[in-house]
Structures are given as structure tokens and as C-alpha cells.
Amino acid sequence: MALAWVLRRPEISTAILGATSIQQLEENLKGCEIKLEPEDWQELEVTSRGTPPKPAEAPKPPGAPKARAATKSKPRPR
């Protein structure tokens, strides 16, 4: 999948593979054959930007204590 994404990028002209065996090379080359729908490519683009969607916050049970803000502690006298 990663190789297919790299080869699809217009700013990348060459992908250099670092296979250490024929089997690994064959597996890597399968990436050239991946065909995805435009929506799937778009999802990969969003994911590759490093800004994954925020997970939904789980509801807190009634009566659960609220989270406290972090506070700096004062240094102890010597």
C-alpha cells in the first residue's frame, strides 16, 4: 500500500526499494498493482498528513469526578 501511495504522488519521480530477498521484492512490487477508488486515496491523503480524527470522548458516568487541570508544584525548601 505504501509503495502504491508513493508512486501515485506527482512530486515523487522514483521509489527505491530496499528488498533483502526475492520474496520481499515480489511482495513490494505487488504495491504497483493496487487499484483504489478516489475516495480511498483521499482517505489515505488525510491520514498521511498526520492529523488523525480525534476519538469520540466516552461519556462519564453520573457522579464521576471531573478531571483537574495540571498545576505546578512548588519546590520544597531544603
C-alpha atoms as a PDB file:
ATOM      1  CA  MET A   1       0.000   0.000   0.000  1.00  0.00           C
ATOM      2  CA  ALA A   2       2.791   2.408   0.907  1.00  0.00           C
ATOM      3  CA  LEU A   3       4.559   1.858  -2.407  1.00  0.00           C
ATOM      4  CA  ALA A   4       1.344   2.444  -4.346  1.00  0.00           C
ATOM      5  CA  TRP A   5       0.803   5.697  -2.441  1.00  0.00           C
ATOM      6  CA  VAL A   6       4.376   6.864  -3.060  1.00  0.00           C
ATOM      7  CA  LEU A   7       4.239   6.083  -6.778  1.00  0.00           C
ATOM      8  CA  ARG A   8       0.970   7.980  -7.106  1.00  0.00           C
ATOM      9  CA  ARG A   9       2.456  11.220  -5.717  1.00  0.00           C
ATOM     10  CA  PRO A  10       3.173  13.730  -8.520  1.00  0.00           C
ATOM     11  CA  GLU A  11       6.203  15.188  -6.715  1.00  0.00           C
ATOM     12  CA  ILE A  12       7.924  11.773  -6.493  1.00  0.00           C
ATOM     13  CA  SER A  13       9.627  10.539  -9.627  1.00  0.00           C
ATOM     14  CA  THR A  14      11.275   7.354  -8.313  1.00  0.00           C
ATOM     15  CA  ALA A  15      10.818   4.896  -5.490  1.00  0.00           C
ATOM     16  CA  ILE A  16      13.869   2.921  -4.390  1.00  0.00           C
ATOM     17  CA  LEU A  17      13.083  -0.422  -2.811  1.00  0.00           C
ATOM     18  CA  GLY A  18      15.309  -1.946  -0.164  1.00  0.00           C
ATOM     19  CA  ALA A  19      14.328  -5.583  -0.515  1.00  0.00           C
ATOM     20  CA  THR A  20      16.704  -8.104   1.037  1.00  0.00           C
ATOM     21  CA  SER A  21      15.229 -11.178  -0.666  1.00  0.00           C
ATOM     22  CA  ILE A  22      13.429 -12.114  -3.866  1.00  0.00           C
ATOM     23  CA  GLN A  23      10.286 -12.846  -1.839  1.00  0.00           C
ATOM     24  CA  GLN A  24      10.356  -9.384  -0.273  1.00  0.00           C
ATOM     25  CA  LEU A  25      10.910  -7.783  -3.679  1.00  0.00           C
ATOM     26  CA  GLU A  26       7.943  -9.676  -5.138  1.00  0.00           C
ATOM     27  CA  GLU A  27       5.742  -8.559  -2.219  1.00  0.00           C
ATOM     28  CA  ASN A  28       6.856  -4.947  -2.638  1.00  0.00           C
ATOM     29  CA  LEU A  29       6.166  -4.976  -6.365  1.00  0.00           C
ATOM     30  CA  LYS A  30       2.565  -6.021  -5.714  1.00  0.00           C
ATOM     31  CA  GLY A  31       2.111  -2.463  -4.466  1.00  0.00           C
ATOM     32  CA  CYS A  32       2.331  -1.288  -8.076  1.00  0.00           C
ATOM     33  CA  GLU A  33      -0.813  -3.270  -8.854  1.00  0.00           C
ATOM     34  CA  ILE A  34      -3.057  -1.767  -6.161  1.00  0.00           C
ATOM     35  CA  LYS A  35      -6.111  -0.032  -7.561  1.00  0.00           C
ATOM     36  CA  LEU A  36      -8.213   2.071  -5.196  1.00  0.00           C
ATOM     37  CA  GLU A  37     -11.238   4.271  -5.643  1.00  0.00           C
ATOM     38  CA  PRO A  38     -10.684   8.055  -5.464  1.00  0.00           C
ATOM     39  CA  GLU A  39     -12.417   8.157  -2.060  1.00  0.00           C
ATOM     40  CA  ASP A  40      -9.945   5.602  -0.705  1.00  0.00           C
ATOM     41  CA  TRP A  41      -6.984   7.614  -1.993  1.00  0.00           C
ATOM     42  CA  GLN A  42      -8.468  10.721  -0.376  1.00  0.00           C
ATOM     43  CA  GLU A  43      -8.703   8.921   2.956  1.00  0.00           C
ATOM     44  CA  LEU A  44      -5.042   7.908   2.651  1.00  0.00           C
ATOM     45  CA  GLU A  45      -4.088  11.518   1.910  1.00  0.00           C
ATOM     46  CA  VAL A  46      -5.879  12.747   5.031  1.00  0.00           C
ATOM     47  CA  THR A  47      -4.275  10.026   7.147  1.00  0.00           C
ATOM     48  CA  SER A  48      -0.801  10.721   5.786  1.00  0.00           C
ATOM     49  CA  ARG A  49      -0.975  14.351   6.896  1.00  0.00           C
ATOM     50  CA  GLY A  50      -0.563  13.200  10.483  1.00  0.00           C
ATOM     51  CA  THR A  51      -3.835  14.640  11.726  1.00  0.00           C
ATOM     52  CA  PRO A  52      -5.947  11.623  12.542  1.00  0.00           C
ATOM     53  CA  PRO A  53      -9.511  12.304  13.581  1.00  0.00           C
ATOM     54  CA  LYS A  54      -9.978  12.763  17.303  1.00  0.00           C
ATOM     55  CA  PRO A  55     -11.611   9.820  19.034  1.00  0.00           C
ATOM     56  CA  ALA A  56     -15.031  10.418  20.466  1.00  0.00           C
ATOM     57  CA  GLU A  57     -14.911  11.136  24.168  1.00  0.00           C
ATOM     58  CA  ALA A  58     -16.587   8.454  26.191  1.00  0.00           C
ATOM     59  CA  PRO A  59     -19.486   9.717  28.307  1.00  0.00           C
ATOM     60  CA  LYS A  60     -18.676   9.942  32.000  1.00  0.00           C
ATOM     61  CA  PRO A  61     -20.896   8.095  34.420  1.00  0.00           C
ATOM     62  CA  PRO A  62     -23.060  10.239  36.683  1.00  0.00           C
ATOM     63  CA  GLY A  63     -21.182  11.358  39.769  1.00  0.00           C
ATOM     64  CA  ALA A  64     -17.723  10.728  38.253  1.00  0.00           C
ATOM     65  CA  PRO A  65     -15.104  13.224  39.423  1.00  0.00           C
ATOM     66  CA  LYS A  66     -14.116  15.922  36.969  1.00  0.00           C
ATOM     67  CA  ALA A  67     -10.583  15.997  35.623  1.00  0.00           C
ATOM     68  CA  ARG A  68      -8.368  18.567  37.298  1.00  0.00           C
ATOM     69  CA  ALA A  69      -6.043  20.853  35.429  1.00  0.00           C
ATOM     70  CA  ALA A  70      -2.368  20.153  35.974  1.00  0.00           C
ATOM     71  CA  THR A  71      -0.712  22.505  38.420  1.00  0.00           C
ATOM     72  CA  LYS A  72       2.918  23.212  39.041  1.00  0.00           C
ATOM     73  CA  SER A  73       4.142  22.126  42.414  1.00  0.00           C
ATOM     74  CA  LYS A  74       6.292  24.488  44.411  1.00  0.00           C
ATOM     75  CA  PRO A  75       9.845  23.377  45.134  1.00  0.00           C
ATOM     76  CA  ARG A  76      10.320  22.166  48.674  1.00  0.00           C
ATOM     77  CA  PRO A  77      12.673  24.190  50.871  1.00  0.00           C
ATOM     78  CA  ARG A  78      15.979  22.497  51.648  1.00  0.00           C
END
